[in-house]
Amino acid sequence: MGLCRIALENAFLEAAWIKHHFSGGPEQELHAAVDDAEKFTKVAALALFGDITRIRDVDKEVKARYGAQAAYLIKQCQRGAHAAGAQITDPRRFVQDVEALAQKVRKPEVSAR
C-alpha cells in the first residue's frame, strides 16, 4: 500500500513540475512549495491548483478530473499508510488501477487554472 501511495505522490509531484514549468513560474518558487508540501494532499493540491493550501478542494477536483474511482484509490492509499489500514479485496487490480491513475495524473493540462 505504501508503494502505491508513493507512486501517486510522485505522479502528482511530476504534474506540479510540468504545470509550473509551462506557466513560466520561477523554479525556486516551486522548490519552496514542494518543501512545504509535507503531506500527500498538499502535494496533490500543488499539482492540481498550484497552491498547497487548497487541500479541501483536492477530493472534489480529483473526482471531476479522474472520476470517483480515482478519489477512492487515493483514500485507500492514504488509509493504508496509517494504523487502521485499507480494505483491499483485489490487490492486483488495486495496483493496476493505481498505475493507470498515476499515468493520467502525470499528464496535467497545460493551461493553468
PDB file of N, CA and C in Angstrom:
ATOM      1  N   MET A   1       0.828  -1.196   0.000  1.00  0.00           N
ATOM      2  CA  MET A   1       0.000   0.000   0.000  1.00  0.00           C
ATOM      3  C   MET A   1       0.869   1.255   0.000  1.00  0.00           C
ATOM      4  N   GLY A   2       1.936   1.220   0.752  1.00  0.00           N
ATOM      5  CA  GLY A   2       2.826   2.368   0.819  1.00  0.00           C
ATOM      6  C   GLY A   2       3.443   2.699  -0.530  1.00  0.00           C
ATOM      7  N   LEU A   3       3.783   1.665  -1.296  1.00  0.00           N
ATOM      8  CA  LEU A   3       4.373   1.903  -2.615  1.00  0.00           C
ATOM      9  C   LEU A   3       3.366   2.540  -3.573  1.00  0.00           C
ATOM     10  N   CYS A   4       2.114   2.167  -3.437  1.00  0.00           N
ATOM     11  CA  CYS A   4       1.078   2.771  -4.283  1.00  0.00           C
ATOM     12  C   CYS A   4       0.931   4.255  -3.947  1.00  0.00           C
ATOM     13  N   ARG A   5       0.965   4.560  -2.674  1.00  0.00           N
ATOM     14  CA  ARG A   5       0.869   5.957  -2.254  1.00  0.00           C
ATOM     15  C   ARG A   5       2.068   6.751  -2.783  1.00  0.00           C
ATOM     16  N   ILE A   6       3.249   6.185  -2.675  1.00  0.00           N
ATOM     17  CA  ILE A   6       4.451   6.849  -3.173  1.00  0.00           C
ATOM     18  C   ILE A   6       4.360   7.070  -4.682  1.00  0.00           C
ATOM     19  N   ALA A   7       3.851   6.081  -5.396  1.00  0.00           N
ATOM     20  CA  ALA A   7       3.705   6.211  -6.852  1.00  0.00           C
ATOM     21  C   ALA A   7       2.770   7.363  -7.207  1.00  0.00           C
ATOM     22  N   LEU A   8       1.645   7.473  -6.495  1.00  0.00           N
ATOM     23  CA  LEU A   8       0.704   8.555  -6.770  1.00  0.00           C
ATOM     24  C   LEU A   8       1.285   9.911  -6.362  1.00  0.00           C
ATOM     25  N   GLU A   9       1.954   9.935  -5.237  1.00  0.00           N
ATOM     26  CA  GLU A   9       2.561  11.186  -4.787  1.00  0.00           C
ATOM     27  C   GLU A   9       3.603  11.666  -5.807  1.00  0.00           C
ATOM     28  N   ASN A  10       4.412  10.749  -6.303  1.00  0.00           N
ATOM     29  CA  ASN A  10       5.411  11.110  -7.307  1.00  0.00           C
ATOM     30  C   ASN A  10       4.750  11.575  -8.605  1.00  0.00           C
ATOM     31  N   ALA A  11       3.638  10.962  -8.963  1.00  0.00           N
ATOM     32  CA  ALA A  11       2.917  11.393 -10.164  1.00  0.00           C
ATOM     33  C   ALA A  11       2.405  12.822  -9.988  1.00  0.00           C
ATOM     34  N   PHE A  12       1.862  13.129  -8.814  1.00  0.00           N
ATOM     35  CA  PHE A  12       1.397  14.494  -8.553  1.00  0.00           C
ATOM     36  C   PHE A  12       2.564  15.482  -8.534  1.00  0.00           C
ATOM     37  N   LEU A  13       3.702  15.068  -7.978  1.00  0.00           N
ATOM     38  CA  LEU A  13       4.880  15.939  -7.995  1.00  0.00           C
ATOM     39  C   LEU A  13       5.326  16.227  -9.430  1.00  0.00           C
ATOM     40  N   GLU A  14       5.344  15.198 -10.237  1.00  0.00           N
ATOM     41  CA  GLU A  14       5.727  15.376 -11.639  1.00  0.00           C
ATOM     42  C   GLU A  14       4.756  16.322 -12.337  1.00  0.00           C
ATOM     43  N   ALA A  15       3.479  16.153 -12.078  1.00  0.00           N
ATOM     44  CA  ALA A  15       2.473  17.032 -12.677  1.00  0.00           C
ATOM     45  C   ALA A  15       2.659  18.473 -12.219  1.00  0.00           C
ATOM     46  N   ALA A  16       2.994  18.659 -10.947  1.00  0.00           N
ATOM     47  CA  ALA A  16       3.223  20.014 -10.427  1.00  0.00           C
ATOM     48  C   ALA A  16       4.404  20.672 -11.138  1.00  0.00           C
ATOM     49  N   TRP A  17       5.473  19.917 -11.330  1.00  0.00           N
ATOM     50  CA  TRP A  17       6.647  20.445 -12.032  1.00  0.00           C
ATOM     51  C   TRP A  17       6.295  20.816 -13.474  1.00  0.00           C
ATOM     52  N   ILE A  18       5.577  19.951 -14.152  1.00  0.00           N
ATOM     53  CA  ILE A  18       5.205  20.213 -15.545  1.00  0.00           C
ATOM     54  C   ILE A  18       4.321  21.458 -15.634  1.00  0.00           C
ATOM     55  N   LYS A  19       3.312  21.516 -14.798  1.00  0.00           N
ATOM     56  CA  LYS A  19       2.383  22.650 -14.810  1.00  0.00           C
ATOM     57  C   LYS A  19       3.126  23.951 -14.506  1.00  0.00           C
ATOM     58  N   HIS A  20       3.994  23.903 -13.509  1.00  0.00           N
ATOM     59  CA  HIS A  20       4.749  25.098 -13.126  1.00  0.00           C
ATOM     60  C   HIS A  20       5.687  25.531 -14.261  1.00  0.00           C
ATOM     61  N   HIS A  21       6.322  24.573 -14.878  1.00  0.00           N
ATOM     62  CA  HIS A  21       7.232  24.880 -15.990  1.00  0.00           C
ATOM     63  C   HIS A  21       6.475  25.569 -17.131  1.00  0.00           C
ATOM     64  N   PHE A  22       5.319  25.042 -17.492  1.00  0.00           N
ATOM     65  CA  PHE A  22       4.551  25.621 -18.584  1.00  0.00           C
ATOM     66  C   PHE A  22       3.983  26.998 -18.235  1.00  0.00           C
ATOM     67  N   SER A  23       3.760  27.252 -16.941  1.00  0.00           N
ATOM     68  CA  SER A  23       3.245  28.563 -16.540  1.00  0.00           C
ATOM     69  C   SER A  23       4.345  29.613 -16.499  1.00  0.00           C
ATOM     70  N   GLY A  24       5.617  29.167 -16.556  1.00  0.00           N
ATOM     71  CA  GLY A  24       6.735  30.102 -16.568  1.00  0.00           C
ATOM     72  C   GLY A  24       7.129  30.616 -15.201  1.00  0.00           C
ATOM     73  N   GLY A  25       6.647  29.958 -14.150  1.00  0.00           N
ATOM     74  CA  GLY A  25       6.978  30.393 -12.796  1.00  0.00           C
ATOM     75  C   GLY A  25       8.428  30.129 -12.451  1.00  0.00           C
ATOM     76  N   PRO A  26       8.971  30.906 -11.505  1.00  0.00           N
ATOM     77  CA  PRO A  26      10.358  30.703 -11.097  1.00  0.00           C
ATOM     78  C   PRO A  26      10.561  29.347 -10.415  1.00  0.00           C
ATOM     79  N   GLU A  27      11.647  28.696 -10.767  1.00  0.00           N
ATOM     80  CA  GLU A  27      11.910  27.355 -10.241  1.00  0.00           C
ATOM     81  C   GLU A  27      12.020  27.347  -8.714  1.00  0.00           C
ATOM     82  N   GLN A  28      12.676  28.361  -8.136  1.00  0.00           N
ATOM     83  CA  GLN A  28      12.841  28.390  -6.687  1.00  0.00           C
ATOM     84  C   GLN A  28      11.497  28.507  -5.963  1.00  0.00           C
ATOM     85  N   GLU A  29      10.512  29.121  -6.625  1.00  0.00           N
ATOM     86  CA  GLU A  29       9.171  29.216  -6.054  1.00  0.00           C
ATOM     87  C   GLU A  29       8.554  27.813  -5.904  1.00  0.00           C
ATOM     88  N   LEU A  30       8.725  26.997  -6.925  1.00  0.00           N
ATOM     89  CA  LEU A  30       8.191  25.640  -6.856  1.00  0.00           C
ATOM     90  C   LEU A  30       8.974  24.798  -5.846  1.00  0.00           C
ATOM     91  N   HIS A  31      10.281  24.968  -5.802  1.00  0.00           N
ATOM     92  CA  HIS A  31      11.082  24.251  -4.799  1.00  0.00           C
ATOM     93  C   HIS A  31      10.565  24.543  -3.397  1.00  0.00           C
ATOM     94  N   ALA A  32      10.287  25.801  -3.117  1.00  0.00           N
ATOM     95  CA  ALA A  32       9.783  26.186  -1.801  1.00  0.00           C
ATOM     96  C   ALA A  32       8.417  25.561  -1.532  1.00  0.00           C
ATOM     97  N   ALA A  33       7.549  25.561  -2.541  1.00  0.00           N
ATOM     98  CA  ALA A  33       6.214  24.971  -2.371  1.00  0.00           C
ATOM     99  C   ALA A  33       6.306  23.472  -2.136  1.00  0.00           C
ATOM    100  N   VAL A  34       7.179  22.789  -2.866  1.00  0.00           N
ATOM    101  CA  VAL A  34       7.351  21.347  -2.683  1.00  0.00           C
ATOM    102  C   VAL A  34       7.888  21.054  -1.284  1.00  0.00           C
ATOM    103  N   ASP A  35       8.819  21.868  -0.821  1.00  0.00           N
ATOM    104  CA  ASP A  35       9.355  21.690   0.531  1.00  0.00           C
ATOM    105  C   ASP A  35       8.274  21.845   1.594  1.00  0.00           C
ATOM    106  N   ASP A  36       7.307  22.724   1.346  1.00  0.00           N
ATOM    107  CA  ASP A  36       6.213  22.949   2.297  1.00  0.00           C
ATOM    108  C   ASP A  36       5.117  21.890   2.201  1.00  0.00           C
ATOM    109  N   ALA A  37       5.092  21.136   1.120  1.00  0.00           N
ATOM    110  CA  ALA A  37       4.042  20.139   0.893  1.00  0.00           C
ATOM    111  C   ALA A  37       4.448  18.805   1.516  1.00  0.00           C
ATOM    112  N   GLU A  38       4.400  18.732   2.833  1.00  0.00           N
ATOM    113  CA  GLU A  38       4.867  17.536   3.526  1.00  0.00           C
ATOM    114  C   GLU A  38       3.825  16.413   3.587  1.00  0.00           C
ATOM    115  N   LYS A  39       2.613  16.661   3.165  1.00  0.00           N
ATOM    116  CA  LYS A  39       1.575  15.637   3.170  1.00  0.00           C
ATOM    117  C   LYS A  39       1.083  15.379   1.751  1.00  0.00           C
ATOM    118  N   PHE A  40       0.598  14.181   1.536  1.00  0.00           N
ATOM    119  CA  PHE A  40       0.112  13.773   0.209  1.00  0.00           C
ATOM    120  C   PHE A  40      -0.899  14.761  -0.347  1.00  0.00           C
ATOM    121  N   THR A  41      -1.857  15.169   0.470  1.00  0.00           N
ATOM    122  CA  THR A  41      -2.918  16.046  -0.014  1.00  0.00           C
ATOM    123  C   THR A  41      -2.358  17.400  -0.444  1.00  0.00           C
ATOM    124  N   LYS A  42      -1.326  17.869   0.236  1.00  0.00           N
ATOM    125  CA  LYS A  42      -0.709  19.137  -0.153  1.00  0.00           C
ATOM    126  C   LYS A  42       0.011  18.997  -1.492  1.00  0.00           C
ATOM    127  N   VAL A  43       0.642  17.868  -1.709  1.00  0.00           N
ATOM    128  CA  VAL A  43       1.305  17.624  -2.988  1.00  0.00           C
ATOM    129  C   VAL A  43       0.260  17.591  -4.105  1.00  0.00           C
ATOM    130  N   ALA A  44      -0.858  16.919  -3.849  1.00  0.00           N
ATOM    131  CA  ALA A  44      -1.928  16.866  -4.849  1.00  0.00           C
ATOM    132  C   ALA A  44      -2.489  18.265  -5.118  1.00  0.00           C
ATOM    133  N   ALA A  45      -2.672  19.063  -4.065  1.00  0.00           N
ATOM    134  CA  ALA A  45      -3.174  20.433  -4.236  1.00  0.00           C
ATOM    135  C   ALA A  45      -2.203  21.266  -5.056  1.00  0.00           C
ATOM    136  N   LEU A  46      -0.928  21.077  -4.823  1.00  0.00           N
ATOM    137  CA  LEU A  46       0.087  21.794  -5.595  1.00  0.00           C
ATOM    138  C   LEU A  46      -0.017  21.433  -7.078  1.00  0.00           C
ATOM    139  N   ALA A  47      -0.187  20.152  -7.367  1.00  0.00           N
ATOM    140  CA  ALA A  47      -0.297  19.711  -8.760  1.00  0.00           C
ATOM    141  C   ALA A  47      -1.597  20.171  -9.409  1.00  0.00           C
ATOM    142  N   LEU A  48      -2.678  20.096  -8.685  1.00  0.00           N
ATOM    143  CA  LEU A  48      -3.985  20.407  -9.257  1.00  0.00           C
ATOM    144  C   LEU A  48      -4.251  21.902  -9.380  1.00  0.00           C
ATOM    145  N   PHE A  49      -3.785  22.664  -8.364  1.00  0.00           N
ATOM    146  CA  PHE A  49      -4.131  24.084  -8.305  1.00  0.00           C
ATOM    147  C   PHE A  49      -2.920  25.025  -8.278  1.00  0.00           C
ATOM    148  N   GLY A  50      -1.721  24.455  -8.064  1.00  0.00           N
ATOM    149  CA  GLY A  50      -0.553  25.301  -7.878  1.00  0.00           C
ATOM    150  C   GLY A  50      -0.536  25.969  -6.522  1.00  0.00           C
ATOM    151  N   ASP A  51      -1.297  25.407  -5.569  1.00  0.00           N
ATOM    152  CA  ASP A  51      -1.474  26.032  -4.260  1.00  0.00           C
ATOM    153  C   ASP A  51      -1.676  24.951  -3.198  1.00  0.00           C
ATOM    154  N   ILE A  52      -0.696  24.795  -2.311  1.00  0.00           N
ATOM    155  CA  ILE A  52      -0.791  23.729  -1.300  1.00  0.00           C
ATOM    156  C   ILE A  52      -1.858  23.989  -0.244  1.00  0.00           C
ATOM    157  N   THR A  53      -2.383  25.197  -0.184  1.00  0.00           N
ATOM    158  CA  THR A  53      -3.401  25.497   0.827  1.00  0.00           C
ATOM    159  C   THR A  53      -4.791  25.009   0.428  1.00  0.00           C
ATOM    160  N   ARG A  54      -4.957  24.556  -0.792  1.00  0.00           N
ATOM    161  CA  ARG A  54      -6.293  24.143  -1.269  1.00  0.00           C
ATOM    162  C   ARG A  54      -6.563  22.659  -1.041  1.00  0.00           C
ATOM    163  N   ILE A  55      -6.109  22.137   0.080  1.00  0.00           N
ATOM    164  CA  ILE A  55      -6.259  20.711   0.362  1.00  0.00           C
ATOM    165  C   ILE A  55      -7.717  20.281   0.448  1.00  0.00           C
ATOM    166  N   ARG A  56      -8.584  21.171   0.862  1.00  0.00           N
ATOM    167  CA  ARG A  56     -10.011  20.821   0.975  1.00  0.00           C
ATOM    168  C   ARG A  56     -10.683  20.631  -0.384  1.00  0.00           C
ATOM    169  N   ASP A  57     -10.065  21.148  -1.420  1.00  0.00           N
ATOM    170  CA  ASP A  57     -10.628  21.057  -2.772  1.00  0.00           C
ATOM    171  C   ASP A  57     -10.119  19.850  -3.557  1.00  0.00           C
ATOM    172  N   VAL A  58      -9.145  19.137  -3.004  1.00  0.00           N
ATOM    173  CA  VAL A  58      -8.488  18.058  -3.746  1.00  0.00           C
ATOM    174  C   VAL A  58      -9.467  16.939  -4.102  1.00  0.00           C
ATOM    175  N   ASP A  59     -10.216  16.444  -3.148  1.00  0.00           N
ATOM    176  CA  ASP A  59     -11.122  15.313  -3.409  1.00  0.00           C
ATOM    177  C   ASP A  59     -12.111  15.649  -4.521  1.00  0.00           C
ATOM    178  N   LYS A  60     -12.714  16.804  -4.445  1.00  0.00           N
ATOM    179  CA  LYS A  60     -13.692  17.216  -5.458  1.00  0.00           C
ATOM    180  C   LYS A  60     -13.038  17.341  -6.839  1.00  0.00           C
ATOM    181  N   GLU A  61     -11.827  17.916  -6.877  1.00  0.00           N
ATOM    182  CA  GLU A  61     -11.142  18.100  -8.154  1.00  0.00           C
ATOM    183  C   GLU A  61     -10.696  16.768  -8.751  1.00  0.00           C
ATOM    184  N   VAL A  62     -10.226  15.868  -7.889  1.00  0.00           N
ATOM    185  CA  VAL A  62      -9.832  14.536  -8.371  1.00  0.00           C
ATOM    186  C   VAL A  62     -11.039  13.837  -8.986  1.00  0.00           C
ATOM    187  N   LYS A  63     -12.182  13.927  -8.327  1.00  0.00           N
ATOM    188  CA  LYS A  63     -13.404  13.315  -8.867  1.00  0.00           C
ATOM    189  C   LYS A  63     -13.780  13.942 -10.203  1.00  0.00           C
ATOM    190  N   ALA A  64     -13.663  15.257 -10.302  1.00  0.00           N
ATOM    191  CA  ALA A  64     -14.032  15.955 -11.527  1.00  0.00           C
ATOM    192  C   ALA A  64     -13.094  15.584 -12.683  1.00  0.00           C
ATOM    193  N   ARG A  65     -11.796  15.476 -12.400  1.00  0.00           N
ATOM    194  CA  ARG A  65     -10.827  15.212 -13.470  1.00  0.00           C
ATOM    195  C   ARG A  65     -10.688  13.735 -13.807  1.00  0.00           C
ATOM    196  N   TYR A  66     -10.692  12.894 -12.773  1.00  0.00           N
ATOM    197  CA  TYR A  66     -10.339  11.484 -12.972  1.00  0.00           C
ATOM    198  C   TYR A  66     -11.437  10.503 -12.583  1.00  0.00           C
ATOM    199  N   GLY A  67     -12.505  10.975 -11.950  1.00  0.00           N
ATOM    200  CA  GLY A  67     -13.617  10.108 -11.581  1.00  0.00           C
ATOM    201  C   GLY A  67     -13.596   9.698 -10.116  1.00  0.00           C
ATOM    202  N   ALA A  68     -14.740   9.202  -9.673  1.00  0.00           N
ATOM    203  CA  ALA A  68     -14.908   8.802  -8.268  1.00  0.00           C
ATOM    204  C   ALA A  68     -13.971   7.659  -7.888  1.00  0.00           C
ATOM    205  N   GLN A  69     -13.695   6.759  -8.813  1.00  0.00           N
ATOM    206  CA  GLN A  69     -12.789   5.642  -8.540  1.00  0.00           C
ATOM    207  C   GLN A  69     -11.404   6.151  -8.172  1.00  0.00           C
ATOM    208  N   ALA A  70     -10.955   7.206  -8.815  1.00  0.00           N
ATOM    209  CA  ALA A  70      -9.638   7.785  -8.520  1.00  0.00           C
ATOM    210  C   ALA A  70      -9.606   8.321  -7.094  1.00  0.00           C
ATOM    211  N   ALA A  71     -10.658   8.999  -6.679  1.00  0.00           N
ATOM    212  CA  ALA A  71     -10.722   9.518  -5.309  1.00  0.00           C
ATOM    213  C   ALA A  71     -10.705   8.363  -4.306  1.00  0.00           C
ATOM    214  N   TYR A  72     -11.397   7.292  -4.635  1.00  0.00           N
ATOM    215  CA  TYR A  72     -11.400   6.099  -3.781  1.00  0.00           C
ATOM    216  C   TYR A  72      -9.990   5.510  -3.660  1.00  0.00           C
ATOM    217  N   LEU A  73      -9.289   5.392  -4.776  1.00  0.00           N
ATOM    218  CA  LEU A  73      -7.930   4.840  -4.760  1.00  0.00           C
ATOM    219  C   LEU A  73      -7.014   5.676  -3.866  1.00  0.00           C
ATOM    220  N   ILE A  74      -7.109   6.983  -4.002  1.00  0.00           N
ATOM    221  CA  ILE A  74      -6.273   7.872  -3.193  1.00  0.00           C
ATOM    222  C   ILE A  74      -6.595   7.701  -1.714  1.00  0.00           C
ATOM    223  N   LYS A  75      -7.866   7.631  -1.381  1.00  0.00           N
ATOM    224  CA  LYS A  75      -8.250   7.442   0.034  1.00  0.00           C
ATOM    225  C   LYS A  75      -7.728   6.113   0.574  1.00  0.00           C
ATOM    226  N   GLN A  76      -7.805   5.070  -0.220  1.00  0.00           N
ATOM    227  CA  GLN A  76      -7.292   3.775   0.226  1.00  0.00           C
ATOM    228  C   GLN A  76      -5.774   3.823   0.416  1.00  0.00           C
ATOM    229  N   CYS A  77      -5.080   4.514  -0.466  1.00  0.00           N
ATOM    230  CA  CYS A  77      -3.623   4.661  -0.314  1.00  0.00           C
ATOM    231  C   CYS A  77      -3.294   5.430   0.957  1.00  0.00           C
ATOM    232  N   GLN A  78      -4.073   6.451   1.243  1.00  0.00           N
ATOM    233  CA  GLN A  78      -3.843   7.226   2.460  1.00  0.00           C
ATOM    234  C   GLN A  78      -4.155   6.380   3.706  1.00  0.00           C
ATOM    235  N   ARG A  79      -5.234   5.642   3.671  1.00  0.00           N
ATOM    236  CA  ARG A  79      -5.588   4.784   4.813  1.00  0.00           C
ATOM    237  C   ARG A  79      -4.542   3.702   5.039  1.00  0.00           C
ATOM    238  N   GLY A  80      -4.001   3.179   3.958  1.00  0.00           N
ATOM    239  CA  GLY A  80      -3.009   2.124   4.058  1.00  0.00           C
ATOM    240  C   GLY A  80      -1.727   2.564   4.730  1.00  0.00           C
ATOM    241  N   ALA A  81      -1.500   3.863   4.753  1.00  0.00           N
ATOM    242  CA  ALA A  81      -0.293   4.400   5.390  1.00  0.00           C
ATOM    243  C   ALA A  81      -0.479   4.612   6.891  1.00  0.00           C
ATOM    244  N   HIS A  82      -1.680   4.328   7.395  1.00  0.00           N
ATOM    245  CA  HIS A  82      -1.977   4.535   8.811  1.00  0.00           C
ATOM    246  C   HIS A  82      -2.328   3.210   9.483  1.00  0.00           C
ATOM    247  N   ALA A  83      -2.387   3.237  10.782  1.00  0.00           N
ATOM    248  CA  ALA A  83      -2.565   2.014  11.572  1.00  0.00           C
ATOM    249  C   ALA A  83      -3.828   1.232  11.201  1.00  0.00           C
ATOM    250  N   ALA A  84      -4.923   1.911  10.933  1.00  0.00           N
ATOM    251  CA  ALA A  84      -6.181   1.228  10.622  1.00  0.00           C
ATOM    252  C   ALA A  84      -6.099   0.460   9.304  1.00  0.00           C
ATOM    253  N   GLY A  85      -5.262   0.933   8.399  1.00  0.00           N
ATOM    254  CA  GLY A  85      -5.070   0.241   7.127  1.00  0.00           C
ATOM    255  C   GLY A  85      -6.214   0.437   6.150  1.00  0.00           C
ATOM    256  N   ALA A  86      -6.077  -0.165   5.002  1.00  0.00           N
ATOM    257  CA  ALA A  86      -7.073  -0.074   3.941  1.00  0.00           C
ATOM    258  C   ALA A  86      -7.720  -1.434   3.751  1.00  0.00           C
ATOM    259  N   GLN A  87      -8.885  -1.436   3.144  1.00  0.00           N
ATOM    260  CA  GLN A  87      -9.621  -2.659   2.852  1.00  0.00           C
ATOM    261  C   GLN A  87      -9.574  -2.916   1.348  1.00  0.00           C
ATOM    262  N   ILE A  88      -8.628  -3.731   0.921  1.00  0.00           N
ATOM    263  CA  ILE A  88      -8.455  -4.024  -0.499  1.00  0.00           C
ATOM    264  C   ILE A  88      -8.821  -5.485  -0.738  1.00  0.00           C
ATOM    265  N   THR A  89      -9.815  -5.713  -1.584  1.00  0.00           N
ATOM    266  CA  THR A  89     -10.250  -7.088  -1.840  1.00  0.00           C
ATOM    267  C   THR A  89      -9.441  -7.752  -2.962  1.00  0.00           C
ATOM    268  N   ASP A  90      -8.975  -6.970  -3.908  1.00  0.00           N
ATOM    269  CA  ASP A  90      -8.209  -7.492  -5.041  1.00  0.00           C
ATOM    270  C   ASP A  90      -6.929  -6.668  -5.198  1.00  0.00           C
ATOM    271  N   PRO A  91      -5.858  -7.056  -4.498  1.00  0.00           N
ATOM    272  CA  PRO A  91      -4.624  -6.258  -4.514  1.00  0.00           C
ATOM    273  C   PRO A  91      -4.034  -6.046  -5.903  1.00  0.00           C
ATOM    274  N   ARG A  92      -4.060  -7.056  -6.749  1.00  0.00           N
ATOM    275  CA  ARG A  92      -3.504  -6.897  -8.103  1.00  0.00           C
ATOM    276  C   ARG A  92      -4.268  -5.849  -8.891  1.00  0.00           C
ATOM    277  N   ARG A  93      -5.561  -5.919  -8.820  1.00  0.00           N
ATOM    278  CA  ARG A  93      -6.412  -4.937  -9.516  1.00  0.00           C
ATOM    279  C   ARG A  93      -6.160  -3.539  -8.947  1.00  0.00           C
ATOM    280  N   PHE A  94      -6.015  -3.456  -7.641  1.00  0.00           N
ATOM    281  CA  PHE A  94      -5.753  -2.176  -6.992  1.00  0.00           C
ATOM    282  C   PHE A  94      -4.467  -1.550  -7.533  1.00  0.00           C
ATOM    283  N   VAL A  95      -3.421  -2.334  -7.603  1.00  0.00           N
ATOM    284  CA  VAL A  95      -2.130  -1.845  -8.106  1.00  0.00           C
ATOM    285  C   VAL A  95      -2.268  -1.409  -9.566  1.00  0.00           C
ATOM    286  N   GLN A  96      -2.971  -2.163 -10.362  1.00  0.00           N
ATOM    287  CA  GLN A  96      -3.176  -1.804 -11.771  1.00  0.00           C
ATOM    288  C   GLN A  96      -3.949  -0.482 -11.883  1.00  0.00           C
ATOM    289  N   ASP A  97      -4.971  -0.328 -11.039  1.00  0.00           N
ATOM    290  CA  ASP A  97      -5.759   0.903 -11.059  1.00  0.00           C
ATOM    291  C   ASP A  97      -4.927   2.104 -10.614  1.00  0.00           C
ATOM    292  N   VAL A  98      -4.077   1.910  -9.611  1.00  0.00           N
ATOM    293  CA  VAL A  98      -3.197   2.991  -9.152  1.00  0.00           C
ATOM    294  C   VAL A  98      -2.218   3.367 -10.261  1.00  0.00           C
ATOM    295  N   GLU A  99      -1.678   2.371 -10.937  1.00  0.00           N
ATOM    296  CA  GLU A  99      -0.753   2.629 -12.037  1.00  0.00           C
ATOM    297  C   GLU A  99      -1.437   3.448 -13.141  1.00  0.00           C
ATOM    298  N   ALA A 100      -2.657   3.082 -13.485  1.00  0.00           N
ATOM    299  CA  ALA A 100      -3.394   3.805 -14.528  1.00  0.00           C
ATOM    300  C   ALA A 100      -3.673   5.246 -14.087  1.00  0.00           C
ATOM    301  N   LEU A 101      -4.040   5.427 -12.832  1.00  0.00           N
ATOM    302  CA  LEU A 101      -4.290   6.772 -12.324  1.00  0.00           C
ATOM    303  C   LEU A 101      -3.004   7.600 -12.335  1.00  0.00           C
ATOM    304  N   ALA A 102      -1.902   7.015 -11.922  1.00  0.00           N
ATOM    305  CA  ALA A 102      -0.621   7.728 -11.918  1.00  0.00           C
ATOM    306  C   ALA A 102      -0.271   8.207 -13.324  1.00  0.00           C
ATOM    307  N   GLN A 103      -0.534   7.389 -14.326  1.00  0.00           N
ATOM    308  CA  GLN A 103      -0.261   7.783 -15.704  1.00  0.00           C
ATOM    309  C   GLN A 103      -1.129   8.974 -16.126  1.00  0.00           C
ATOM    310  N   LYS A 104      -2.379   8.994 -15.701  1.00  0.00           N
ATOM    311  CA  LYS A 104      -3.266  10.118 -16.022  1.00  0.00           C
ATOM    312  C   LYS A 104      -2.806  11.387 -15.319  1.00  0.00           C
ATOM    313  N   VAL A 105      -2.432  11.261 -14.061  1.00  0.00           N
ATOM    314  CA  VAL A 105      -2.008  12.426 -13.273  1.00  0.00           C
ATOM    315  C   VAL A 105      -0.743  13.036 -13.868  1.00  0.00           C
ATOM    316  N   ARG A 106       0.131  12.206 -14.374  1.00  0.00           N
ATOM    317  CA  ARG A 106       1.398  12.692 -14.945  1.00  0.00           C
ATOM    318  C   ARG A 106       1.205  13.547 -16.194  1.00  0.00           C
ATOM    319  N   LYS A 107       0.012  13.598 -16.748  1.00  0.00           N
ATOM    320  CA  LYS A 107      -0.254  14.370 -17.940  1.00  0.00           C
ATOM    321  C   LYS A 107      -1.210  15.522 -17.612  1.00  0.00           C
ATOM    322  N   PRO A 108      -0.695  16.499 -16.854  1.00  0.00           N
ATOM    323  CA  PRO A 108      -1.593  17.605 -16.467  1.00  0.00           C
ATOM    324  C   PRO A 108      -1.966  18.459 -17.669  1.00  0.00           C
ATOM    325  N   GLU A 109      -3.077  19.120 -17.542  1.00  0.00           N
ATOM    326  CA  GLU A 109      -3.463  20.025 -18.618  1.00  0.00           C
ATOM    327  C   GLU A 109      -2.443  21.162 -18.654  1.00  0.00           C
ATOM    328  N   VAL A 110      -2.110  21.591 -19.823  1.00  0.00           N
ATOM    329  CA  VAL A 110      -1.060  22.590 -19.994  1.00  0.00           C
ATOM    330  C   VAL A 110      -1.544  23.968 -19.558  1.00  0.00           C
ATOM    331  N   SER A 111      -2.811  24.275 -19.807  1.00  0.00           N
ATOM    332  CA  SER A 111      -3.309  25.598 -19.431  1.00  0.00           C
ATOM    333  C   SER A 111      -3.511  25.666 -17.926  1.00  0.00           C
ATOM    334  N   ALA A 112      -2.979  26.703 -17.319  1.00  0.00           N
ATOM    335  CA  ALA A 112      -3.107  26.862 -15.868  1.00  0.00           C
ATOM    336  C   ALA A 112      -4.530  27.318 -15.554  1.00  0.00           C
ATOM    337  N   ARG A 113      -5.002  26.909 -14.412  1.00  0.00           N
ATOM    338  CA  ARG A 113      -6.348  27.302 -13.990  1.00  0.00           C
ATOM    339  C   ARG A 113      -6.312  28.638 -13.311  1.00  0.00           C
TER     340      ARG A 113
END
